[in-house]
Each structure stands twice: as structure tokens, then as C-alpha cells.
């Protein structure tokens, strides 16, 4: 078992999926659990509508969720076409320090003041790197990446291995995007990133309580199985 103080003061970034609004999950309970133990969760939604819906869903039971767009406090400035400039983390630090959960829409502030739509996976990777997150979670119903040779879930990948796997044509495009973002997040400063099924009960706190990893984790470790 991992010490309960191991992640105190650390940031967790969670890129949720649309199913979070249509299925019963333990995520809301898990977020409260993390906050009570000094962990600072940031939620990234797949669309603006899901972000706003999830803020409402959380705040029906607690008053901890605050919705943010990329324009708020210049959080996510656009840099070129659908790319992210330097993340401005001030508003996140302020909210996290007093126990709120930022729920972020995948939009950036365009040069002309307009909203620029972004890929949620890229937003999660960028925010995870900018906040030196201890963990970044990417929800996907596949629950991880399967080894093409053994058909088992791959437990760990290096960023380089993950980027190679993200080129596989047999993977779901959304899973490929999550794997790619997990690798980029780790390279940007996230300690470890995981692709997992967010519908699993208490999936986001398994990491906190035990040494077990759900799904596929991208870290500096070396995976020795096939990645063809």
C-alpha cells in the first residue's frame, strides 16, 4: 500500500469522456476523496457542453466544481491553428489552493479574442506538463492498450514506445489520440500518465491507495513485449 501522504500537494489531471454524464460512476466521490487528502484534481472535458454539464452534476452534490474555458485568465492561449501556447497556470493555482476542482473546456483564447477548439487530450497533456502533475488519467472505454502479439493489456510503456503504438492503424482513433497525449504529457513533465476505463469503480484512487496500476501506464519504465 502507498502512503496516504505520498501525493499530498500534488496535482492529478483527469481527461474525462462523454460517458461521465450518461453513466453512473464514482468520479465525483473520488474527487472529494482526493481533495480531503491534499491532492489537487483538475478535470479536462472532451467538449464545452460536457464540461458545463459536469460542473452542474458535481455541484448538485457539492460546491467544489468551477468551469473554465481557455479564455479565462488567459489559461490556454492559442498558438497557430488548433495548437496551445504557454499555459497560464495562475487561475488553476488559485482555485486548487482553496479546494475547488477546475473543470476545463477544450478551447483556447485566439489572437483575435475568439475561442479556438482544441483536442481535449492535447489540453490535458499541456496542463499536466505545466503543473508538473503527479498523474494524468485519460479515460477510454478500451481500458488500455492491448499487445498485438499476446492480446494482453500492456502494463507500462515509455513515451517512445507509446508514440510508436499510437501509429497503429488497428487502434481506435480516440485511443490513439489518448496514447499520444499521454506520451507527450510525460515528456512535458507529468510523472506518469494512464489510459484506463473511467467506468471502473474508484478507478482514479486505486493509484493513491495501492501500487496496482489500472490500464496502460506511460512512464520512464521499459516495456519488453512486442509493439509492432
Protein backbone atom coordinates (compact mmCIF):
# COMPACT_ATOMS: atom_id res chain seq x y z
CA UNK A 1 0.00 0.00 0.00
CA UNK A 2 1.18 3.52 -0.81
CA UNK A 3 1.47 6.07 2.00
CA UNK A 4 -1.55 8.36 2.10
CA UNK A 5 0.82 11.32 2.22
CA UNK A 6 2.67 10.29 -0.94
CA UNK A 7 0.58 12.52 -3.22
CA UNK A 8 -0.35 15.31 -0.78
CA UNK A 9 0.03 18.67 -2.50
CA UNK A 10 0.36 17.01 -5.92
CA UNK A 11 -1.79 17.65 -8.98
CA UNK A 12 -3.80 14.99 -10.78
CA UNK A 13 -5.18 15.75 -14.27
CA UNK A 14 -8.16 13.74 -15.48
CA UNK A 15 -9.33 13.83 -19.09
CA UNK A 16 -12.85 12.51 -18.77
CA UNK A 17 -15.10 11.23 -21.55
CA UNK A 18 -18.68 11.96 -22.55
CA UNK A 19 -19.94 8.85 -20.78
CA UNK A 20 -19.31 10.55 -17.44
CA UNK A 21 -22.68 12.32 -17.88
CA UNK A 22 -24.68 9.31 -19.05
CA UNK A 23 -23.46 6.53 -16.76
CA UNK A 24 -23.21 6.13 -13.00
CA UNK A 25 -19.57 6.47 -11.93
CA UNK A 26 -17.70 7.10 -8.70
CA UNK A 27 -15.69 10.04 -10.08
CA UNK A 28 -17.46 12.71 -8.04
CA UNK A 29 -16.89 10.72 -4.85
CA UNK A 30 -13.29 10.08 -5.86
CA UNK A 31 -12.60 13.78 -6.41
CA UNK A 32 -13.85 14.58 -2.92
CA UNK A 33 -11.66 11.80 -1.51
CA UNK A 34 -8.58 13.21 -3.25
CA UNK A 35 -9.25 16.76 -2.08
CA UNK A 36 -9.68 15.65 1.54
CA UNK A 37 -6.19 14.17 1.37
CA UNK A 38 -4.50 17.22 -0.07
CA UNK A 39 -4.46 16.12 -3.70
CA UNK A 40 -5.35 18.71 -6.33
CA UNK A 41 -7.50 17.32 -9.18
CA UNK A 42 -8.02 19.13 -12.49
CA UNK A 43 -10.68 17.82 -14.88
CA UNK A 44 -10.47 18.27 -18.65
CA UNK A 45 -13.71 17.59 -20.53
CA UNK A 46 -14.00 16.36 -24.15
CA UNK A 47 -16.29 19.23 -25.19
CA UNK A 48 -17.57 22.51 -23.79
CA UNK A 49 -21.05 21.04 -23.35
CA UNK A 50 -19.72 18.12 -21.31
CA UNK A 51 -17.63 20.49 -19.18
CA UNK A 52 -20.64 22.62 -18.33
CA UNK A 53 -22.82 19.60 -17.72
CA UNK A 54 -20.28 18.02 -15.42
CA UNK A 55 -19.91 21.23 -13.40
CA UNK A 56 -23.66 21.19 -12.85
CA UNK A 57 -23.62 17.48 -12.00
CA UNK A 58 -20.88 17.88 -9.40
CA UNK A 59 -22.39 20.96 -7.83
CA UNK A 60 -25.74 19.27 -7.29
CA UNK A 61 -23.98 17.33 -4.52
CA UNK A 62 -21.02 19.55 -3.59
CA UNK A 63 -19.88 23.10 -4.28
CA UNK A 64 -16.39 22.28 -5.50
CA UNK A 65 -16.56 22.50 -9.31
CA UNK A 66 -15.62 25.64 -11.24
CA UNK A 67 -15.93 25.71 -15.03
CA UNK A 68 -13.14 27.32 -17.04
CA UNK A 69 -12.61 28.00 -20.71
CA UNK A 70 -9.23 28.60 -22.28
CA UNK A 71 -10.03 32.32 -22.31
CA UNK A 72 -10.46 32.58 -18.53
CA UNK A 73 -7.41 34.38 -17.12
CA UNK A 74 -5.70 33.55 -20.42
CA UNK A 75 -5.43 29.93 -19.28
CA UNK A 76 -4.92 28.42 -22.74
CA UNK A 77 -3.62 30.88 -25.34
CA UNK A 78 -3.82 29.68 -28.92
CA UNK A 79 -0.57 29.36 -30.82
CA UNK A 80 -1.21 28.81 -34.51
CA UNK A 81 -4.04 26.65 -35.76
CA UNK A 82 -5.53 24.44 -33.01
CA UNK A 83 -2.29 24.41 -31.00
CA UNK A 84 -1.63 25.59 -27.46
CA UNK A 85 0.78 28.28 -26.38
CA UNK A 86 2.27 28.62 -22.90
CA UNK A 87 -0.31 27.54 -20.31
CA UNK A 88 -1.04 30.28 -17.78
CA UNK A 89 -1.48 28.34 -14.55
CA UNK A 90 -2.29 31.22 -12.17
CA UNK A 91 -6.05 30.67 -12.12
CA UNK A 92 -5.55 26.94 -11.59
CA UNK A 93 -3.20 27.50 -8.64
CA UNK A 94 -5.68 29.92 -7.06
CA UNK A 95 -8.65 27.56 -7.35
CA UNK A 96 -6.74 24.47 -6.29
CA UNK A 97 -5.28 26.17 -3.23
CA UNK A 98 -8.75 26.69 -1.75
CA UNK A 99 -10.15 23.27 -2.60
CA UNK A 100 -12.00 23.84 -5.87
CA UNK A 101 -11.92 21.45 -8.85
CA UNK A 102 -11.35 23.25 -12.16
CA UNK A 103 -13.35 21.66 -14.99
CA UNK A 104 -11.80 22.84 -18.23
CA UNK A 105 -13.37 23.20 -21.65
CA UNK A 106 -11.08 22.26 -24.56
CA UNK A 107 -10.86 25.76 -26.03
CA UNK A 108 -8.06 28.29 -26.38
CA UNK A 109 -8.07 32.08 -26.49
CA UNK A 110 -7.42 33.07 -30.09
CA UNK A 111 -5.30 36.04 -31.11
CA UNK A 112 -8.44 37.87 -32.19
CA UNK A 113 -10.22 37.09 -28.92
CA UNK A 114 -12.20 34.22 -30.41
CA UNK A 115 -12.43 30.70 -28.97
CA UNK A 116 -10.31 28.10 -30.74
CA UNK A 117 -11.47 24.49 -30.43
CA UNK A 118 -8.81 22.09 -29.18
CA UNK A 119 -8.42 18.35 -28.73
CA UNK A 120 -9.13 17.52 -25.09
CA UNK A 121 -6.23 15.05 -24.98
CA UNK A 122 -3.83 17.81 -26.01
CA UNK A 123 -5.26 20.13 -23.37
CA UNK A 124 -4.80 17.50 -20.65
CA UNK A 125 -1.21 16.85 -21.72
CA UNK A 126 -0.39 20.56 -21.80
CA UNK A 127 -1.95 21.27 -18.41
CA UNK A 128 -0.34 18.19 -16.90
CA UNK A 129 3.08 19.32 -18.08
CA UNK A 130 2.56 22.92 -17.00
CA UNK A 131 1.52 21.88 -13.48
CA UNK A 132 4.11 19.08 -13.16
CA UNK A 133 1.24 16.70 -12.44
CA UNK A 134 1.96 13.54 -10.48
CA UNK A 135 -0.58 11.69 -12.60
CA UNK A 136 -2.58 12.28 -15.76
CA UNK A 137 -5.54 9.99 -16.47
CA UNK A 138 -7.07 9.56 -19.91
CA UNK A 139 -10.44 7.80 -19.82
CA UNK A 140 -11.17 5.40 -22.68
CA UNK A 141 -13.61 2.51 -22.73
CA UNK A 142 -10.89 0.17 -24.06
CA UNK A 143 -9.29 0.35 -20.63
CA UNK A 144 -5.76 0.47 -22.00
CA UNK A 145 -3.69 -0.67 -24.99
CA UNK A 146 -3.50 -4.34 -25.93
CA UNK A 147 -0.29 -6.02 -27.03
CA UNK A 148 -0.85 -7.10 -30.66
CA UNK A 149 1.04 -10.35 -30.05
CA UNK A 150 -0.32 -11.55 -26.70
CA UNK A 151 -3.64 -9.61 -26.67
CA UNK A 152 -2.93 -8.73 -23.03
CA UNK A 153 -3.20 -5.17 -21.75
CA UNK A 154 0.22 -3.56 -21.82
CA UNK A 155 1.01 -2.51 -18.27
CA UNK A 156 3.75 0.05 -18.94
CA UNK A 157 5.23 1.94 -21.87
CA UNK A 158 7.93 4.52 -22.29
CA UNK A 159 6.91 7.70 -24.13
CA UNK A 160 8.80 6.50 -27.22
CA UNK A 161 7.01 3.14 -27.16
CA UNK A 162 3.65 4.86 -26.67
CA UNK A 163 4.21 7.16 -29.64
CA UNK A 164 5.11 4.16 -31.77
CA UNK A 165 1.95 2.35 -30.71
CA UNK A 166 -0.11 5.44 -31.50
CA UNK A 167 0.71 4.90 -35.17
CA UNK A 168 -1.06 1.52 -35.25
CA UNK A 169 -3.96 1.60 -37.69
CA UNK A 170 -5.84 -1.11 -35.79
CA UNK A 171 -6.34 1.13 -32.74
CA UNK A 172 -9.44 3.25 -32.28
CA UNK A 173 -8.58 6.85 -33.33
CA UNK A 174 -9.62 8.21 -29.94
CA UNK A 175 -7.42 5.66 -28.18
CA UNK A 176 -4.50 6.59 -30.43
CA UNK A 177 -5.01 10.24 -29.50
CA UNK A 178 -5.05 9.39 -25.79
CA UNK A 179 -1.86 7.31 -26.04
CA UNK A 180 -0.11 10.06 -27.98
CA UNK A 181 -1.16 12.69 -25.45
CA UNK A 182 -0.08 10.51 -22.53
CA UNK A 183 3.39 10.21 -24.05
CA UNK A 184 3.65 13.93 -24.71
CA UNK A 185 2.44 14.73 -21.22
CA UNK A 186 5.15 12.57 -19.65
CA UNK A 187 7.78 14.17 -21.85
CA UNK A 188 6.49 17.59 -20.74
CA UNK A 189 6.85 16.82 -17.04
CA UNK A 190 3.96 14.56 -15.93
CA UNK A 191 5.31 11.87 -13.63
CA UNK A 192 3.11 9.14 -15.12
CA UNK A 193 0.08 9.01 -17.42
CA UNK A 194 -2.52 6.28 -17.62
CA UNK A 195 -5.11 5.18 -20.15
CA UNK A 196 -7.92 3.49 -18.23
CA UNK A 197 -11.64 2.85 -18.17
CA UNK A 198 -13.23 5.62 -16.11
CA UNK A 199 -16.34 3.49 -15.53
CA UNK A 200 -14.42 1.21 -13.14
CA UNK A 201 -15.43 1.95 -9.57
CA UNK A 202 -12.91 4.25 -7.85
CA UNK A 203 -10.52 3.98 -10.77
CA UNK A 204 -8.95 7.34 -10.00
CA UNK A 205 -7.98 6.47 -6.42
CA UNK A 206 -6.55 2.99 -6.99
CA UNK A 207 -3.25 4.73 -7.71
CA UNK A 208 -3.47 6.58 -4.43
CA UNK A 209 -4.14 3.59 -2.20
CA UNK A 210 -2.16 0.77 -3.82
CA UNK A 211 0.82 0.04 -6.03
CA UNK A 212 -1.52 -1.50 -8.62
CA UNK A 213 -1.96 0.30 -11.94
CA UNK A 214 -5.15 0.11 -13.99
CA UNK A 215 -4.93 0.07 -17.76
CA UNK A 216 -1.75 1.16 -19.51
CA UNK A 217 0.68 3.50 -17.78
CA UNK A 218 3.21 5.63 -19.66
CA UNK A 219 6.33 6.26 -17.59
CA UNK A 220 10.09 6.10 -17.92
CA UNK A 221 9.97 2.31 -17.44
CA UNK A 222 10.81 -0.02 -20.33
CA UNK A 223 8.25 -2.43 -21.75
CA UNK A 224 9.86 -5.58 -23.18
CA UNK A 225 6.90 -7.03 -25.07
CA UNK A 226 6.12 -6.62 -28.74
CA UNK A 227 4.98 -3.22 -30.01
CA UNK A 228 4.90 -3.95 -33.71
